[in-house]
């Protein structure tokens, strides 16, 4: 019997045992179901990009459902299904980017943003997600992601500063409970099911939260078998933020090594000034220093939000770039 057969047999036996124990818990518990609930977000307005006429723009239009099964105090199962209509609505071209168009190009597809199940236990969480927003982006880079259009992630076209995408697919995650402010998470993404590499992208991250201080660090390895190169591509990032009340400051630094296009490092700094509960002034500066000068980027962003409670806002922002088209974005955001 080969080693692979032995491994497969043991895995099946362990899985069967785990499923049997799990099913017995379900059979002997009064399960509470909260949901399904409906949620939607529409941030719509106008976008002017240099070299392109002003046009109506859907910055984010999503709708979905979700809920949670409470099996007992130590086991909860959460489900989410969300569709993103932004790409189908917008007239995207080479000068713009749109949410829901994760692979670039120009099409009118509706994108499934979230299709995921989260198992929550006393020992941590397990996430199974054929489609999901990136927890890596949210936890490590999210403190500088405060604008509608000028967001800097790798799926933002010419204004991308970082190598980290905001959307991901085929994701498995385990995260520990938060202990003394610390939480560790590890994730695997399978980008290619035919290349003989089960762990195409492997990420580990550590976050720390204490009162108004937040620190996060991560390291990602993309295996050479899923790239058009012979080297593993690595990406490391460190971020920190502090909320002083009226002012919140945040920053992110990223280093990318052996990417197919070359090496680079990037950073962004962000400040939010909460003038009062109704008004927020936001500003950011970001820069990307690439081995190839034509891939260098830098830009300054300024924006103002006028809030009407938690579910309605007016917004206006402008991104001014040295190596990419400048833009002005304004609109209205509502949440249901």
C-alpha atoms as a PDB file:
ATOM      1  CA  UNK A   1       0.000   0.000   0.000  1.00  0.00           C
ATOM      2  CA  UNK A   2       1.517   3.340  -1.032  1.00  0.00           C
ATOM      3  CA  UNK A   3       1.949   6.281   1.318  1.00  0.00           C
ATOM      4  CA  UNK A   4      -0.690   8.265  -0.579  1.00  0.00           C
ATOM      5  CA  UNK A   5      -3.252   5.475  -0.130  1.00  0.00           C
ATOM      6  CA  UNK A   6      -2.444   5.259   3.584  1.00  0.00           C
ATOM      7  CA  UNK A   7      -2.824   9.048   3.945  1.00  0.00           C
ATOM      8  CA  UNK A   8      -6.133   8.993   2.080  1.00  0.00           C
ATOM      9  CA  UNK A   9      -7.476   6.109   4.193  1.00  0.00           C
ATOM     10  CA  UNK A  10      -6.506   7.845   7.438  1.00  0.00           C
ATOM     11  CA  UNK A  11      -8.030  11.142   6.271  1.00  0.00           C
ATOM     12  CA  UNK A  12     -11.322   9.433   5.392  1.00  0.00           C
ATOM     13  CA  UNK A  13     -11.398   7.624   8.735  1.00  0.00           C
ATOM     14  CA  UNK A  14     -10.713  10.804  10.703  1.00  0.00           C
ATOM     15  CA  UNK A  15     -13.261  12.769   8.677  1.00  0.00           C
ATOM     16  CA  UNK A  16     -15.920  10.111   9.202  1.00  0.00           C
ATOM     17  CA  UNK A  17     -15.242  10.093  12.939  1.00  0.00           C
ATOM     18  CA  UNK A  18     -15.438  13.894  13.118  1.00  0.00           C
ATOM     19  CA  UNK A  19     -18.647  14.005  11.089  1.00  0.00           C
ATOM     20  CA  UNK A  20     -20.211  11.344  13.304  1.00  0.00           C
ATOM     21  CA  UNK A  21     -19.372  13.328  16.443  1.00  0.00           C
ATOM     22  CA  UNK A  22     -20.611  16.546  14.817  1.00  0.00           C
ATOM     23  CA  UNK A  23     -23.889  14.974  13.688  1.00  0.00           C
ATOM     24  CA  UNK A  24     -24.557  13.538  17.149  1.00  0.00           C
ATOM     25  CA  UNK A  25     -24.231  17.072  18.561  1.00  0.00           C
ATOM     26  CA  UNK A  26     -26.778  18.329  16.037  1.00  0.00           C
ATOM     27  CA  UNK A  27     -29.165  15.435  16.708  1.00  0.00           C
ATOM     28  CA  UNK A  28     -29.301  16.110  20.434  1.00  0.00           C
ATOM     29  CA  UNK A  29     -29.598  19.885  20.447  1.00  0.00           C
ATOM     30  CA  UNK A  30     -32.425  22.354  20.076  1.00  0.00           C
ATOM     31  CA  UNK A  31     -31.087  24.436  17.211  1.00  0.00           C
ATOM     32  CA  UNK A  32     -31.974  28.134  17.009  1.00  0.00           C
ATOM     33  CA  UNK A  33     -32.020  29.751  13.576  1.00  0.00           C
ATOM     34  CA  UNK A  34     -31.761  33.530  13.259  1.00  0.00           C
ATOM     35  CA  UNK A  35     -32.459  34.541   9.667  1.00  0.00           C
ATOM     36  CA  UNK A  36     -32.397  34.565   6.794  1.00  0.00           C
ATOM     37  CA  UNK A  37     -32.077  38.332   6.774  1.00  0.00           C
ATOM     38  CA  UNK A  38     -31.789  40.683   3.816  1.00  0.00           C
ATOM     39  CA  UNK A  39     -29.197  43.425   3.389  1.00  0.00           C
ATOM     40  CA  UNK A  40     -28.361  45.816   0.588  1.00  0.00           C
ATOM     41  CA  UNK A  41     -26.047  48.733  -0.106  1.00  0.00           C
ATOM     42  CA  UNK A  42     -26.206  51.331  -2.880  1.00  0.00           C
ATOM     43  CA  UNK A  43     -23.448  53.920  -3.236  1.00  0.00           C
ATOM     44  CA  UNK A  44     -24.265  55.697  -6.484  1.00  0.00           C
ATOM     45  CA  UNK A  45     -23.188  59.023  -7.932  1.00  0.00           C
ATOM     46  CA  UNK A  46     -20.926  60.439 -10.627  1.00  0.00           C
ATOM     47  CA  UNK A  47     -17.307  59.814 -11.598  1.00  0.00           C
ATOM     48  CA  UNK A  48     -14.974  62.074 -13.580  1.00  0.00           C
ATOM     49  CA  UNK A  49     -11.629  60.568 -14.606  1.00  0.00           C
ATOM     50  CA  UNK A  50      -9.087  62.538 -16.627  1.00  0.00           C
ATOM     51  CA  UNK A  51      -9.373  61.546 -20.277  1.00  0.00           C
ATOM     52  CA  UNK A  52     -12.997  60.479 -19.820  1.00  0.00           C
ATOM     53  CA  UNK A  53     -16.312  62.373 -19.647  1.00  0.00           C
ATOM     54  CA  UNK A  54     -18.177  62.572 -16.363  1.00  0.00           C
ATOM     55  CA  UNK A  55     -20.667  59.706 -16.039  1.00  0.00           C
ATOM     56  CA  UNK A  56     -23.076  58.181 -13.506  1.00  0.00           C
ATOM     57  CA  UNK A  57     -21.278  55.522 -11.475  1.00  0.00           C
ATOM     58  CA  UNK A  58     -22.199  52.669  -9.149  1.00  0.00           C
ATOM     59  CA  UNK A  59     -19.368  52.655  -6.615  1.00  0.00           C
ATOM     60  CA  UNK A  60     -20.920  49.747  -4.724  1.00  0.00           C
ATOM     61  CA  UNK A  61     -24.299  48.101  -5.324  1.00  0.00           C
ATOM     62  CA  UNK A  62     -24.760  44.829  -3.439  1.00  0.00           C
ATOM     63  CA  UNK A  63     -27.623  42.749  -2.096  1.00  0.00           C
ATOM     64  CA  UNK A  64     -27.644  39.528  -0.180  1.00  0.00           C
ATOM     65  CA  UNK A  65     -28.967  37.286   2.510  1.00  0.00           C
ATOM     66  CA  UNK A  66     -27.501  35.614   5.545  1.00  0.00           C
ATOM     67  CA  UNK A  67     -28.212  34.106   8.899  1.00  0.00           C
ATOM     68  CA  UNK A  68     -26.883  31.961  11.691  1.00  0.00           C
ATOM     69  CA  UNK A  69     -27.695  28.604  13.255  1.00  0.00           C
ATOM     70  CA  UNK A  70     -26.981  28.493  16.996  1.00  0.00           C
ATOM     71  CA  UNK A  71     -26.436  24.832  17.789  1.00  0.00           C
ATOM     72  CA  UNK A  72     -25.264  25.479  21.341  1.00  0.00           C
ATOM     73  CA  UNK A  73     -23.072  27.943  23.242  1.00  0.00           C
ATOM     74  CA  UNK A  74     -19.956  26.442  21.676  1.00  0.00           C
ATOM     75  CA  UNK A  75     -21.079  25.934  18.089  1.00  0.00           C
ATOM     76  CA  UNK A  76     -22.606  28.400  15.636  1.00  0.00           C
ATOM     77  CA  UNK A  77     -22.870  28.150  11.848  1.00  0.00           C
ATOM     78  CA  UNK A  78     -23.158  31.383   9.879  1.00  0.00           C
ATOM     79  CA  UNK A  79     -24.011  31.617   6.173  1.00  0.00           C
ATOM     80  CA  UNK A  80     -23.768  34.511   3.702  1.00  0.00           C
ATOM     81  CA  UNK A  81     -24.708  34.916   0.051  1.00  0.00           C
ATOM     82  CA  UNK A  82     -24.181  38.319  -1.600  1.00  0.00           C
ATOM     83  CA  UNK A  83     -24.353  39.505  -5.204  1.00  0.00           C
ATOM     84  CA  UNK A  84     -22.456  42.542  -6.499  1.00  0.00           C
ATOM     85  CA  UNK A  85     -24.196  44.428  -9.320  1.00  0.00           C
ATOM     86  CA  UNK A  86     -21.657  47.259  -9.654  1.00  0.00           C
ATOM     87  CA  UNK A  87     -19.798  45.859 -12.652  1.00  0.00           C
ATOM     88  CA  UNK A  88     -23.021  45.052 -14.508  1.00  0.00           C
ATOM     89  CA  UNK A  89     -24.236  48.624 -14.011  1.00  0.00           C
ATOM     90  CA  UNK A  90     -21.094  50.584 -14.895  1.00  0.00           C
ATOM     91  CA  UNK A  91     -19.657  51.388 -18.317  1.00  0.00           C
ATOM     92  CA  UNK A  92     -16.143  50.386 -17.340  1.00  0.00           C
ATOM     93  CA  UNK A  93     -13.140  50.988 -19.618  1.00  0.00           C
ATOM     94  CA  UNK A  94      -9.332  51.090 -19.513  1.00  0.00           C
ATOM     95  CA  UNK A  95      -9.287  54.352 -17.521  1.00  0.00           C
ATOM     96  CA  UNK A  96     -11.570  53.144 -14.724  1.00  0.00           C
ATOM     97  CA  UNK A  97     -12.080  50.236 -12.370  1.00  0.00           C
ATOM     98  CA  UNK A  98     -15.290  48.917 -10.883  1.00  0.00           C
ATOM     99  CA  UNK A  99     -16.172  46.760  -7.928  1.00  0.00           C
ATOM    100  CA  UNK A 100     -17.225  43.265  -8.982  1.00  0.00           C
ATOM    101  CA  UNK A 101     -14.734  43.117 -11.859  1.00  0.00           C
ATOM    102  CA  UNK A 102     -12.035  41.196 -10.024  1.00  0.00           C
ATOM    103  CA  UNK A 103     -10.062  39.897 -13.010  1.00  0.00           C
ATOM    104  CA  UNK A 104      -9.969  43.114 -15.027  1.00  0.00           C
ATOM    105  CA  UNK A 105     -11.144  43.420 -18.585  1.00  0.00           C
ATOM    106  CA  UNK A 106     -14.487  44.786 -19.704  1.00  0.00           C
ATOM    107  CA  UNK A 107     -17.725  42.853 -19.231  1.00  0.00           C
ATOM    108  CA  UNK A 108     -21.246  43.285 -17.850  1.00  0.00           C
ATOM    109  CA  UNK A 109     -21.298  40.346 -15.439  1.00  0.00           C
ATOM    110  CA  UNK A 110     -23.036  40.270 -12.071  1.00  0.00           C
ATOM    111  CA  UNK A 111     -20.474  39.028  -9.556  1.00  0.00           C
ATOM    112  CA  UNK A 112     -21.162  36.690  -6.634  1.00  0.00           C
ATOM    113  CA  UNK A 113     -19.310  38.557  -3.905  1.00  0.00           C
ATOM    114  CA  UNK A 114     -19.968  36.198  -0.979  1.00  0.00           C
ATOM    115  CA  UNK A 115     -20.823  32.516  -0.929  1.00  0.00           C
ATOM    116  CA  UNK A 116     -19.482  31.270   2.366  1.00  0.00           C
ATOM    117  CA  UNK A 117     -20.148  29.337   5.545  1.00  0.00           C
ATOM    118  CA  UNK A 118     -18.421  30.162   8.828  1.00  0.00           C
ATOM    119  CA  UNK A 119     -18.242  27.598  11.629  1.00  0.00           C
ATOM    120  CA  UNK A 120     -17.748  29.372  14.970  1.00  0.00           C
ATOM    121  CA  UNK A 121     -16.559  27.397  17.998  1.00  0.00           C
ATOM    122  CA  UNK A 122     -14.857  28.011  21.338  1.00  0.00           C
ATOM    123  CA  UNK A 123     -11.619  26.955  19.656  1.00  0.00           C
ATOM    124  CA  UNK A 124     -11.757  29.411  16.770  1.00  0.00           C
ATOM    125  CA  UNK A 125     -13.515  29.778  13.444  1.00  0.00           C
ATOM    126  CA  UNK A 126     -13.350  27.845  10.192  1.00  0.00           C
ATOM    127  CA  UNK A 127     -14.370  29.635   6.993  1.00  0.00           C
ATOM    128  CA  UNK A 128     -15.304  27.791   3.798  1.00  0.00           C
ATOM    129  CA  UNK A 129     -15.629  30.312   0.990  1.00  0.00           C
ATOM    130  CA  UNK A 130     -15.794  29.677  -2.749  1.00  0.00           C
ATOM    131  CA  UNK A 131     -16.348  33.476  -2.904  1.00  0.00           C
ATOM    132  CA  UNK A 132     -15.712  36.129  -0.264  1.00  0.00           C
ATOM    133  CA  UNK A 133     -14.390  39.562   0.444  1.00  0.00           C
ATOM    134  CA  UNK A 134     -10.774  39.236   1.528  1.00  0.00           C
ATOM    135  CA  UNK A 135     -10.321  39.041   5.283  1.00  0.00           C
ATOM    136  CA  UNK A 136      -6.655  39.745   4.654  1.00  0.00           C
ATOM    137  CA  UNK A 137      -7.536  43.058   3.010  1.00  0.00           C
ATOM    138  CA  UNK A 138     -10.051  43.926   5.717  1.00  0.00           C
ATOM    139  CA  UNK A 139      -7.845  43.097   8.705  1.00  0.00           C
ATOM    140  CA  UNK A 140      -4.441  44.291   7.484  1.00  0.00           C
ATOM    141  CA  UNK A 141      -5.254  47.051   4.982  1.00  0.00           C
ATOM    142  CA  UNK A 142      -8.785  48.022   5.982  1.00  0.00           C
ATOM    143  CA  UNK A 143      -7.746  50.898   8.242  1.00  0.00           C
ATOM    144  CA  UNK A 144      -6.632  52.911   5.175  1.00  0.00           C
ATOM    145  CA  UNK A 145      -9.548  51.788   2.979  1.00  0.00           C
ATOM    146  CA  UNK A 146     -11.890  54.694   3.758  1.00  0.00           C
ATOM    147  CA  UNK A 147     -12.793  56.040   0.302  1.00  0.00           C
ATOM    148  CA  UNK A 148     -15.354  55.032  -2.311  1.00  0.00           C
ATOM    149  CA  UNK A 149     -13.211  54.980  -5.460  1.00  0.00           C
ATOM    150  CA  UNK A 150      -9.606  55.602  -4.374  1.00  0.00           C
ATOM    151  CA  UNK A 151      -9.051  52.344  -2.510  1.00  0.00           C
ATOM    152  CA  UNK A 152      -5.548  51.217  -3.622  1.00  0.00           C
ATOM    153  CA  UNK A 153      -6.040  47.409  -3.603  1.00  0.00           C
ATOM    154  CA  UNK A 154      -4.740  45.302  -6.495  1.00  0.00           C
ATOM    155  CA  UNK A 155      -8.108  45.273  -8.303  1.00  0.00           C
ATOM    156  CA  UNK A 156      -8.272  49.087  -8.731  1.00  0.00           C
ATOM    157  CA  UNK A 157      -6.541  49.278 -12.098  1.00  0.00           C
ATOM    158  CA  UNK A 158      -4.129  52.185 -12.641  1.00  0.00           C
ATOM    159  CA  UNK A 159      -4.435  53.445  -9.050  1.00  0.00           C
ATOM    160  CA  UNK A 160      -3.499  50.100  -7.439  1.00  0.00           C
ATOM    161  CA  UNK A 161      -0.738  50.595  -4.867  1.00  0.00           C
ATOM    162  CA  UNK A 162      -0.767  47.202  -3.142  1.00  0.00           C
ATOM    163  CA  UNK A 163      -0.509  43.600  -4.309  1.00  0.00           C
ATOM    164  CA  UNK A 164      -3.341  42.455  -2.041  1.00  0.00           C
ATOM    165  CA  UNK A 165      -6.783  42.008  -3.679  1.00  0.00           C
ATOM    166  CA  UNK A 166     -10.029  42.996  -1.984  1.00  0.00           C
ATOM    167  CA  UNK A 167     -11.961  39.997  -3.336  1.00  0.00           C
ATOM    168  CA  UNK A 168     -10.858  36.370  -3.311  1.00  0.00           C
ATOM    169  CA  UNK A 169     -12.099  32.926  -4.325  1.00  0.00           C
ATOM    170  CA  UNK A 170     -11.621  29.281  -3.291  1.00  0.00           C
ATOM    171  CA  UNK A 171     -10.620  30.151   0.273  1.00  0.00           C
ATOM    172  CA  UNK A 172     -10.157  28.076   3.429  1.00  0.00           C
ATOM    173  CA  UNK A 173      -9.474  29.905   6.713  1.00  0.00           C
ATOM    174  CA  UNK A 174      -8.839  29.015  10.328  1.00  0.00           C
ATOM    175  CA  UNK A 175      -8.582  31.760  12.965  1.00  0.00           C
ATOM    176  CA  UNK A 176      -8.031  31.380  16.684  1.00  0.00           C
ATOM    177  CA  UNK A 177     -10.172  33.095  19.295  1.00  0.00           C
ATOM    178  CA  UNK A 178      -8.848  36.519  20.288  1.00  0.00           C
ATOM    179  CA  UNK A 179      -6.717  35.997  23.409  1.00  0.00           C
ATOM    180  CA  UNK A 180      -5.306  38.955  25.362  1.00  0.00           C
ATOM    181  CA  UNK A 181      -5.909  41.087  22.282  1.00  0.00           C
ATOM    182  CA  UNK A 182      -4.104  38.728  19.884  1.00  0.00           C
ATOM    183  CA  UNK A 183      -5.654  36.673  17.088  1.00  0.00           C
ATOM    184  CA  UNK A 184      -3.845  34.413  14.625  1.00  0.00           C
ATOM    185  CA  UNK A 185      -5.259  33.341  11.286  1.00  0.00           C
ATOM    186  CA  UNK A 186      -4.043  31.100   8.507  1.00  0.00           C
ATOM    187  CA  UNK A 187      -5.621  30.712   5.078  1.00  0.00           C
ATOM    188  CA  UNK A 188      -5.191  28.770   1.861  1.00  0.00           C
ATOM    189  CA  UNK A 189      -6.390  29.793  -1.606  1.00  0.00           C
ATOM    190  CA  UNK A 190      -6.546  27.308  -4.483  1.00  0.00           C
ATOM    191  CA  UNK A 191      -6.225  29.389  -7.640  1.00  0.00           C
ATOM    192  CA  UNK A 192      -5.653  26.460 -10.012  1.00  0.00           C
ATOM    193  CA  UNK A 193      -7.187  23.016  -9.490  1.00  0.00           C
ATOM    194  CA  UNK A 194      -5.088  21.410 -12.246  1.00  0.00           C
ATOM    195  CA  UNK A 195      -1.487  22.313 -11.348  1.00  0.00           C
ATOM    196  CA  UNK A 196      -0.826  19.668  -8.682  1.00  0.00           C
ATOM    197  CA  UNK A 197      -0.455  22.334  -5.955  1.00  0.00           C
ATOM    198  CA  UNK A 198      -3.184  22.246  -3.291  1.00  0.00           C
ATOM    199  CA  UNK A 199      -1.890  25.336  -1.491  1.00  0.00           C
ATOM    200  CA  UNK A 200      -1.397  27.853  -4.304  1.00  0.00           C
ATOM    201  CA  UNK A 201      -1.501  30.817  -1.917  1.00  0.00           C
ATOM    202  CA  UNK A 202      -0.778  30.480   1.799  1.00  0.00           C
ATOM    203  CA  UNK A 203      -1.201  33.420   4.174  1.00  0.00           C
ATOM    204  CA  UNK A 204      -0.559  33.792   7.892  1.00  0.00           C
ATOM    205  CA  UNK A 205      -1.527  36.903   9.812  1.00  0.00           C
ATOM    206  CA  UNK A 206      -1.469  38.153  13.385  1.00  0.00           C
ATOM    207  CA  UNK A 207      -3.595  41.009  14.698  1.00  0.00           C
ATOM    208  CA  UNK A 208      -3.561  42.822  18.026  1.00  0.00           C
ATOM    209  CA  UNK A 209      -6.318  45.020  19.445  1.00  0.00           C
ATOM    210  CA  UNK A 210      -6.058  46.968  22.685  1.00  0.00           C
ATOM    211  CA  UNK A 211      -8.572  49.720  23.314  1.00  0.00           C
ATOM    212  CA  UNK A 212      -7.989  52.261  20.495  1.00  0.00           C
ATOM    213  CA  UNK A 213      -4.753  50.694  19.215  1.00  0.00           C
ATOM    214  CA  UNK A 214      -4.779  48.190  16.355  1.00  0.00           C
ATOM    215  CA  UNK A 215      -1.762  46.422  14.818  1.00  0.00           C
ATOM    216  CA  UNK A 216      -1.736  43.764  12.087  1.00  0.00           C
ATOM    217  CA  UNK A 217       0.949  41.878  10.208  1.00  0.00           C
ATOM    218  CA  UNK A 218       0.839  39.230   7.493  1.00  0.00           C
ATOM    219  CA  UNK A 219       2.983  37.116   5.201  1.00  0.00           C
ATOM    220  CA  UNK A 220       1.729  35.549   1.965  1.00  0.00           C
ATOM    221  CA  UNK A 221       3.420  32.963  -0.249  1.00  0.00           C
ATOM    222  CA  UNK A 222       2.167  32.296  -3.777  1.00  0.00           C
ATOM    223  CA  UNK A 223       3.697  29.093  -5.075  1.00  0.00           C
ATOM    224  CA  UNK A 224       5.660  29.144  -8.312  1.00  0.00           C
ATOM    225  CA  UNK A 225       3.440  26.361  -9.681  1.00  0.00           C
ATOM    226  CA  UNK A 226       0.577  28.837  -9.979  1.00  0.00           C
ATOM    227  CA  UNK A 227       2.720  31.572 -11.576  1.00  0.00           C
ATOM    228  CA  UNK A 228       4.438  32.079 -14.948  1.00  0.00           C
ATOM    229  CA  UNK A 229       7.804  32.093 -13.129  1.00  0.00           C
ATOM    230  CA  UNK A 230      10.099  29.660 -11.326  1.00  0.00           C
ATOM    231  CA  UNK A 231      10.125  31.607  -8.046  1.00  0.00           C
ATOM    232  CA  UNK A 232       7.598  31.767  -5.221  1.00  0.00           C
ATOM    233  CA  UNK A 233       6.074  35.254  -4.962  1.00  0.00           C
ATOM    234  CA  UNK A 234       5.945  36.606  -1.400  1.00  0.00           C
ATOM    235  CA  UNK A 235       4.071  39.568   0.037  1.00  0.00           C
ATOM    236  CA  UNK A 236       4.516  40.913   3.580  1.00  0.00           C
ATOM    237  CA  UNK A 237       2.531  43.729   5.163  1.00  0.00           C
ATOM    238  CA  UNK A 238       2.408  45.601   8.460  1.00  0.00           C
ATOM    239  CA  UNK A 239      -0.265  48.070   9.526  1.00  0.00           C
ATOM    240  CA  UNK A 240      -1.155  50.127  12.579  1.00  0.00           C
ATOM    241  CA  UNK A 241      -3.882  52.545  13.570  1.00  0.00           C
ATOM    242  CA  UNK A 242      -4.872  54.581  16.601  1.00  0.00           C
ATOM    243  CA  UNK A 243      -8.215  56.221  17.247  1.00  0.00           C
ATOM    244  CA  UNK A 244      -7.853  59.437  19.241  1.00  0.00           C
ATOM    245  CA  UNK A 245     -11.586  60.146  19.081  1.00  0.00           C
ATOM    246  CA  UNK A 246     -11.835  63.224  16.919  1.00  0.00           C
ATOM    247  CA  UNK A 247      -8.883  61.999  14.801  1.00  0.00           C
ATOM    248  CA  UNK A 248      -7.994  58.492  13.616  1.00  0.00           C
ATOM    249  CA  UNK A 249      -4.571  57.807  12.089  1.00  0.00           C
ATOM    250  CA  UNK A 250      -3.591  54.688  10.140  1.00  0.00           C
ATOM    251  CA  UNK A 251      -0.778  53.398   7.978  1.00  0.00           C
ATOM    252  CA  UNK A 252       0.169  50.296   5.961  1.00  0.00           C
ATOM    253  CA  UNK A 253       3.527  49.172   4.555  1.00  0.00           C
ATOM    254  CA  UNK A 254       3.841  46.298   2.060  1.00  0.00           C
ATOM    255  CA  UNK A 255       6.848  44.531   0.495  1.00  0.00           C
ATOM    256  CA  UNK A 256       6.434  42.356  -2.621  1.00  0.00           C
ATOM    257  CA  UNK A 257       9.254  40.048  -3.721  1.00  0.00           C
ATOM    258  CA  UNK A 258       9.599  37.925  -6.884  1.00  0.00           C
ATOM    259  CA  UNK A 259       6.318  39.009  -8.430  1.00  0.00           C
ATOM    260  CA  UNK A 260       6.239  38.152 -12.168  1.00  0.00           C
ATOM    261  CA  UNK A 261       6.533  41.894 -12.936  1.00  0.00           C
ATOM    262  CA  UNK A 262       9.359  42.501 -10.437  1.00  0.00           C
ATOM    263  CA  UNK A 263       9.817  43.643  -6.826  1.00  0.00           C
ATOM    264  CA  UNK A 264       8.234  46.654  -5.161  1.00  0.00           C
ATOM    265  CA  UNK A 265       7.294  48.180  -1.835  1.00  0.00           C
ATOM    266  CA  UNK A 266       4.250  50.320  -1.092  1.00  0.00           C
ATOM    267  CA  UNK A 267       2.810  52.340   1.727  1.00  0.00           C
ATOM    268  CA  UNK A 268      -0.265  54.394   2.534  1.00  0.00           C
ATOM    269  CA  UNK A 269      -1.056  56.800   5.362  1.00  0.00           C
ATOM    270  CA  UNK A 270      -4.591  57.848   6.210  1.00  0.00           C
ATOM    271  CA  UNK A 271      -6.199  60.372   8.561  1.00  0.00           C
ATOM    272  CA  UNK A 272      -9.877  60.778   9.435  1.00  0.00           C
ATOM    273  CA  UNK A 273     -11.092  63.922  11.166  1.00  0.00           C
ATOM    274  CA  UNK A 274     -14.527  63.505  12.749  1.00  0.00           C
ATOM    275  CA  UNK A 275     -15.543  67.127  12.926  1.00  0.00           C
ATOM    276  CA  UNK A 276     -18.847  66.151  14.556  1.00  0.00           C
ATOM    277  CA  UNK A 277     -21.263  63.195  14.242  1.00  0.00           C
ATOM    278  CA  UNK A 278     -22.460  64.557  10.886  1.00  0.00           C
ATOM    279  CA  UNK A 279     -19.203  65.407   9.118  1.00  0.00           C
ATOM    280  CA  UNK A 280     -15.984  63.465   8.415  1.00  0.00           C
ATOM    281  CA  UNK A 281     -12.940  64.817   6.585  1.00  0.00           C
ATOM    282  CA  UNK A 282     -10.587  62.160   5.167  1.00  0.00           C
ATOM    283  CA  UNK A 283      -7.173  62.385   3.601  1.00  0.00           C
ATOM    284  CA  UNK A 284      -4.585  59.850   2.439  1.00  0.00           C
ATOM    285  CA  UNK A 285      -1.253  59.591   0.680  1.00  0.00           C
ATOM    286  CA  UNK A 286      -0.020  56.404  -1.017  1.00  0.00           C
ATOM    287  CA  UNK A 287       3.111  55.475  -2.929  1.00  0.00           C
ATOM    288  CA  UNK A 288       4.396  52.441  -4.825  1.00  0.00           C
ATOM    289  CA  UNK A 289       8.111  52.097  -5.635  1.00  0.00           C
ATOM    290  CA  UNK A 290       8.592  49.408  -8.288  1.00  0.00           C
ATOM    291  CA  UNK A 291      11.757  47.988  -9.852  1.00  0.00           C
ATOM    292  CA  UNK A 292      10.324  49.105 -13.194  1.00  0.00           C
ATOM    293  CA  UNK A 293       9.862  52.879 -13.146  1.00  0.00           C
ATOM    294  CA  UNK A 294       6.779  52.801 -15.384  1.00  0.00           C
ATOM    295  CA  UNK A 295       4.957  50.844 -12.647  1.00  0.00           C
ATOM    296  CA  UNK A 296       5.667  53.472  -9.964  1.00  0.00           C
ATOM    297  CA  UNK A 297       2.611  55.157  -8.491  1.00  0.00           C
ATOM    298  CA  UNK A 298       1.923  57.936  -5.994  1.00  0.00           C
ATOM    299  CA  UNK A 299      -1.177  59.877  -5.132  1.00  0.00           C
ATOM    300  CA  UNK A 300      -3.018  62.096  -2.678  1.00  0.00           C
ATOM    301  CA  UNK A 301      -6.702  61.675  -1.818  1.00  0.00           C
ATOM    302  CA  UNK A 302      -9.051  64.106  -0.073  1.00  0.00           C
ATOM    303  CA  UNK A 303     -12.686  63.429   0.772  1.00  0.00           C
ATOM    304  CA  UNK A 304     -15.649  64.634   2.827  1.00  0.00           C
ATOM    305  CA  UNK A 305     -18.608  62.600   4.083  1.00  0.00           C
ATOM    306  CA  UNK A 306     -21.897  64.100   5.303  1.00  0.00           C
ATOM    307  CA  UNK A 307     -23.702  61.543   7.455  1.00  0.00           C
ATOM    308  CA  UNK A 308     -27.441  61.351   8.112  1.00  0.00           C
ATOM    309  CA  UNK A 309     -27.516  58.695  10.796  1.00  0.00           C
ATOM    310  CA  UNK A 310     -25.860  55.330  10.198  1.00  0.00           C
ATOM    311  CA  UNK A 311     -27.553  54.388   6.914  1.00  0.00           C
ATOM    312  CA  UNK A 312     -27.373  57.492   4.697  1.00  0.00           C
ATOM    313  CA  UNK A 313     -24.444  59.641   3.601  1.00  0.00           C
ATOM    314  CA  UNK A 314     -23.371  62.091   0.908  1.00  0.00           C
ATOM    315  CA  UNK A 315     -19.745  61.851  -0.199  1.00  0.00           C
ATOM    316  CA  UNK A 316     -17.242  63.635  -2.400  1.00  0.00           C
ATOM    317  CA  UNK A 317     -13.572  62.790  -2.965  1.00  0.00           C
ATOM    318  CA  UNK A 318     -10.740  63.458  -5.354  1.00  0.00           C
ATOM    319  CA  UNK A 319      -7.632  61.439  -6.139  1.00  0.00           C
ATOM    320  CA  UNK A 320      -4.650  63.327  -7.561  1.00  0.00           C
ATOM    321  CA  UNK A 321      -1.923  61.065  -9.009  1.00  0.00           C
ATOM    322  CA  UNK A 322       1.531  61.523 -10.529  1.00  0.00           C
ATOM    323  CA  UNK A 323       1.408  58.387 -12.694  1.00  0.00           C
ATOM    324  CA  UNK A 324      -2.320  57.665 -13.129  1.00  0.00           C
ATOM    325  CA  UNK A 325      -5.425  59.620 -14.191  1.00  0.00           C
ATOM    326  CA  UNK A 326      -6.808  62.034 -11.588  1.00  0.00           C
ATOM    327  CA  UNK A 327     -10.436  61.583 -10.569  1.00  0.00           C
ATOM    328  CA  UNK A 328     -13.364  63.185  -8.780  1.00  0.00           C
ATOM    329  CA  UNK A 329     -16.132  61.030  -7.288  1.00  0.00           C
ATOM    330  CA  UNK A 330     -19.335  62.135  -5.577  1.00  0.00           C
ATOM    331  CA  UNK A 331     -22.620  60.544  -4.682  1.00  0.00           C
ATOM    332  CA  UNK A 332     -25.080  59.205  -2.142  1.00  0.00           C
ATOM    333  CA  UNK A 333     -24.805  56.030  -0.095  1.00  0.00           C
ATOM    334  CA  UNK A 334     -27.685  54.130   1.501  1.00  0.00           C
ATOM    335  CA  UNK A 335     -27.724  50.880   3.474  1.00  0.00           C
ATOM    336  CA  UNK A 336     -30.678  48.602   4.152  1.00  0.00           C
END
